[in-house]
Protein backbone atom coordinates (compact mmCIF):
# COMPACT_ATOMS: atom_id res chain seq x y z
CA UNK A 1 -0.12 0.00 -0.23
CA UNK A 2 1.23 3.21 -0.75
CA UNK A 3 -0.41 6.78 0.82
CA UNK A 4 -0.45 9.80 -0.28
CA UNK A 5 3.27 11.11 -0.70
CA UNK A 6 4.42 7.97 -2.29
CA UNK A 7 5.92 6.32 0.38
CA UNK A 8 4.79 2.82 1.62
CA UNK A 9 2.46 1.89 4.21
CA UNK A 10 3.09 -0.61 6.46
CA UNK A 11 0.50 -2.14 8.10
CA UNK A 12 0.37 -2.95 11.87
CA UNK A 13 -1.14 -6.16 14.00
CA UNK A 14 -3.89 -4.39 16.38
CA UNK A 15 -2.62 -4.23 19.81
CA UNK A 16 -4.09 -6.92 22.32
CA UNK A 17 -4.49 -5.81 25.56
CA UNK A 18 -1.38 -6.89 28.06
CA UNK A 19 -2.07 -9.88 30.35
CA UNK A 20 -3.82 -8.59 33.37
CA UNK A 21 -1.53 -9.57 36.77
CA UNK A 22 -3.65 -10.16 39.55
CA UNK A 23 -3.59 -11.39 42.69
CA UNK A 24 -4.60 -14.69 42.26
CA UNK A 25 -1.76 -15.96 39.45
CA UNK A 26 0.64 -13.46 41.30
CA UNK A 27 -0.38 -15.76 44.01
CA UNK A 28 -0.44 -18.92 41.61
CA UNK A 29 3.12 -17.87 40.83
CA UNK A 30 4.96 -17.24 44.29
CA UNK A 31 3.11 -20.94 45.66
CA UNK A 32 5.07 -22.48 42.31
CA UNK A 33 8.14 -21.24 42.80
CA UNK A 34 8.49 -22.12 46.72
CA UNK A 35 7.16 -25.54 45.78
CA UNK A 36 10.03 -25.72 42.89
CA UNK A 37 12.82 -24.61 45.81
CA UNK A 38 10.85 -27.32 48.30
CA UNK A 39 11.14 -30.35 45.74
CA UNK A 40 15.18 -29.28 45.51
CA UNK A 41 15.56 -28.95 48.82
CA UNK A 42 14.51 -32.11 49.69
CA UNK A 43 16.61 -33.91 46.83
CA UNK A 44 19.92 -32.48 48.17
CA UNK A 45 19.08 -33.97 51.61
CA UNK A 46 18.23 -37.12 50.12
CA UNK A 47 21.45 -37.29 48.14
CA UNK A 48 23.91 -36.71 51.61
CA UNK A 49 21.10 -36.94 55.13
CA UNK A 50 22.77 -35.83 58.27
CA UNK A 51 23.30 -39.09 60.09
CA UNK A 52 24.90 -40.71 56.43
CA UNK A 53 27.64 -37.90 55.71
CA UNK A 54 30.72 -39.70 57.24
CA UNK A 55 30.78 -43.18 57.05
CA UNK A 56 30.04 -45.37 59.98
CA UNK A 57 32.30 -44.54 63.19
CA UNK A 58 33.75 -41.89 61.14
CA UNK A 59 33.74 -38.24 63.11
CA UNK A 60 32.84 -34.57 62.34
CA UNK A 61 32.63 -31.52 64.48
CA UNK A 62 31.42 -31.28 67.67
CA UNK A 63 31.19 -27.57 67.70
CA UNK A 64 32.10 -28.32 71.55
CA UNK A 65 33.13 -25.33 73.25
CA UNK A 66 36.07 -25.88 74.63
CA UNK A 67 38.36 -24.02 77.34
CA UNK A 68 40.82 -24.73 79.77
CA UNK A 69 43.75 -23.53 81.95
CA UNK A 70 45.84 -24.33 84.73
CA UNK A 71 44.69 -24.90 88.33
CA UNK A 72 47.42 -24.18 89.62
CA UNK A 73 51.37 -22.40 88.75
CA UNK A 74 53.07 -24.46 86.08
CA UNK A 75 56.29 -25.76 86.74
CA UNK A 76 58.18 -29.01 86.18
CA UNK A 77 58.56 -32.67 87.41
CA UNK A 78 54.99 -32.31 89.85
CA UNK A 79 51.47 -33.15 88.39
CA UNK A 80 49.01 -29.46 87.27
CA UNK A 81 45.63 -29.97 87.18
CA UNK A 82 44.10 -28.83 84.26
CA UNK A 83 40.64 -27.60 84.80
CA UNK A 84 38.78 -28.28 81.15
CA UNK A 85 35.15 -26.64 80.21
CA UNK A 86 33.23 -28.29 77.53
CA UNK A 87 29.74 -26.56 76.97
CA UNK A 88 27.88 -27.82 73.23
CA UNK A 89 27.07 -25.16 70.47
CA UNK A 90 24.03 -24.01 73.18
CA UNK A 91 25.85 -23.53 75.84
CA UNK A 92 25.17 -26.51 77.53
CA UNK A 93 28.24 -28.53 79.95
CA UNK A 94 28.71 -31.41 78.15
CA UNK A 95 28.57 -34.96 79.91
CA UNK A 96 29.53 -38.21 78.92
CA UNK A 97 31.90 -37.30 76.60
CA UNK A 98 35.99 -38.99 76.30
CA UNK A 99 38.41 -35.56 77.11
CA UNK A 100 41.88 -35.91 77.02
CA UNK A 101 45.19 -33.59 77.66
CA UNK A 102 47.58 -33.79 75.27
CA UNK A 103 51.26 -32.07 76.08
CA UNK A 104 54.66 -32.20 73.68
CA UNK A 105 57.12 -29.50 73.56
CA UNK A 106 56.80 -26.95 70.66
CA UNK A 107 59.48 -28.98 68.45
CA UNK A 108 56.77 -32.13 68.51
CA UNK A 109 58.69 -33.77 71.18
CA UNK A 110 57.87 -35.79 74.06
CA UNK A 111 54.49 -36.46 73.63
CA UNK A 112 52.07 -37.38 76.14
CA UNK A 113 48.28 -38.30 76.42
CA UNK A 114 46.47 -38.00 79.61
CA UNK A 115 42.98 -39.34 80.47
CA UNK A 116 40.74 -36.39 82.06
CA UNK A 117 37.87 -37.37 84.08
CA UNK A 118 34.60 -35.48 84.66
CA UNK A 119 34.08 -33.99 87.88
CA UNK A 120 31.00 -31.69 87.63
CA UNK A 121 28.67 -31.65 84.46
CA UNK A 122 31.42 -30.09 81.54
CA UNK A 123 34.37 -30.38 83.71
CA UNK A 124 36.63 -32.48 83.35
CA UNK A 125 40.30 -32.28 85.21
CA UNK A 126 43.64 -33.87 83.53
CA UNK A 127 47.50 -33.96 85.76
CA UNK A 128 50.06 -33.70 83.36
CA UNK A 129 53.62 -33.21 84.45
CA UNK A 130 56.29 -31.44 82.06
CA UNK A 131 59.01 -33.18 82.27
CA UNK A 132 61.74 -30.21 81.72
CA UNK A 133 60.62 -26.05 80.96
CA UNK A 134 59.83 -24.50 78.40
CA UNK A 135 57.38 -23.85 75.50
CA UNK A 136 54.84 -26.34 75.59
CA UNK A 137 51.77 -26.87 73.41
CA UNK A 138 48.78 -28.33 75.23
CA UNK A 139 46.16 -30.04 72.84
CA UNK A 140 42.38 -30.79 74.69
CA UNK A 141 40.62 -33.17 73.09
CA UNK A 142 36.83 -33.75 73.34
CA UNK A 143 35.07 -37.22 71.63
CA UNK A 144 31.00 -37.85 71.95
CA UNK A 145 28.81 -39.71 69.69
CA UNK A 146 30.83 -39.25 66.70
CA UNK A 147 31.41 -35.78 67.08
CA UNK A 148 34.95 -34.41 68.05
CA UNK A 149 36.44 -30.85 68.59
CA UNK A 150 39.42 -30.03 69.15
CA UNK A 151 41.67 -27.02 71.54
CA UNK A 152 45.35 -26.31 71.37
CA UNK A 153 47.02 -23.53 73.81
CA UNK A 154 50.16 -23.30 74.57
CA UNK A 155 52.62 -22.36 77.31
CA UNK A 156 55.14 -21.67 79.11
CA UNK A 157 56.38 -23.93 81.41
CA UNK A 158 59.55 -22.39 83.85
CA UNK A 159 61.83 -25.09 85.40
CA UNK A 160 59.73 -24.04 89.04
CA UNK A 161 57.04 -22.30 90.31
CA UNK A 162 58.32 -18.64 92.03
């Protein structure tokens, strides 16, 4: 087709009204998106359930909070009681745990491990003996129900108490 000026006219398709977004269609879309996200979440969870995240007998991080300190002045050739306070991630005393305290020199020599029995709920005591003066790594390890947490603090042990 040509118009009076001699140029070609382009015929346009009639304009259709835009689809109206109603509250009902919006809610259906949101519900559908939530359903898809939930389905994907369940599928991922089934691939690696929490109880089977590790093989039988394997331990994983217990998120235990471990605090420890000597209850007397550090010195060599004498049992030094270390009080070890252990709580769970909700800050409740951790009971029925296996707690050990290991000492070793900064050069990773003279390694000794001491059992720490529970004296009160969440409180354990170990009594290591440091054979000589110097820098020592004190490593506490806590095990309970296939969960484990550990902490290391370095101490200087003098020859005698001052």
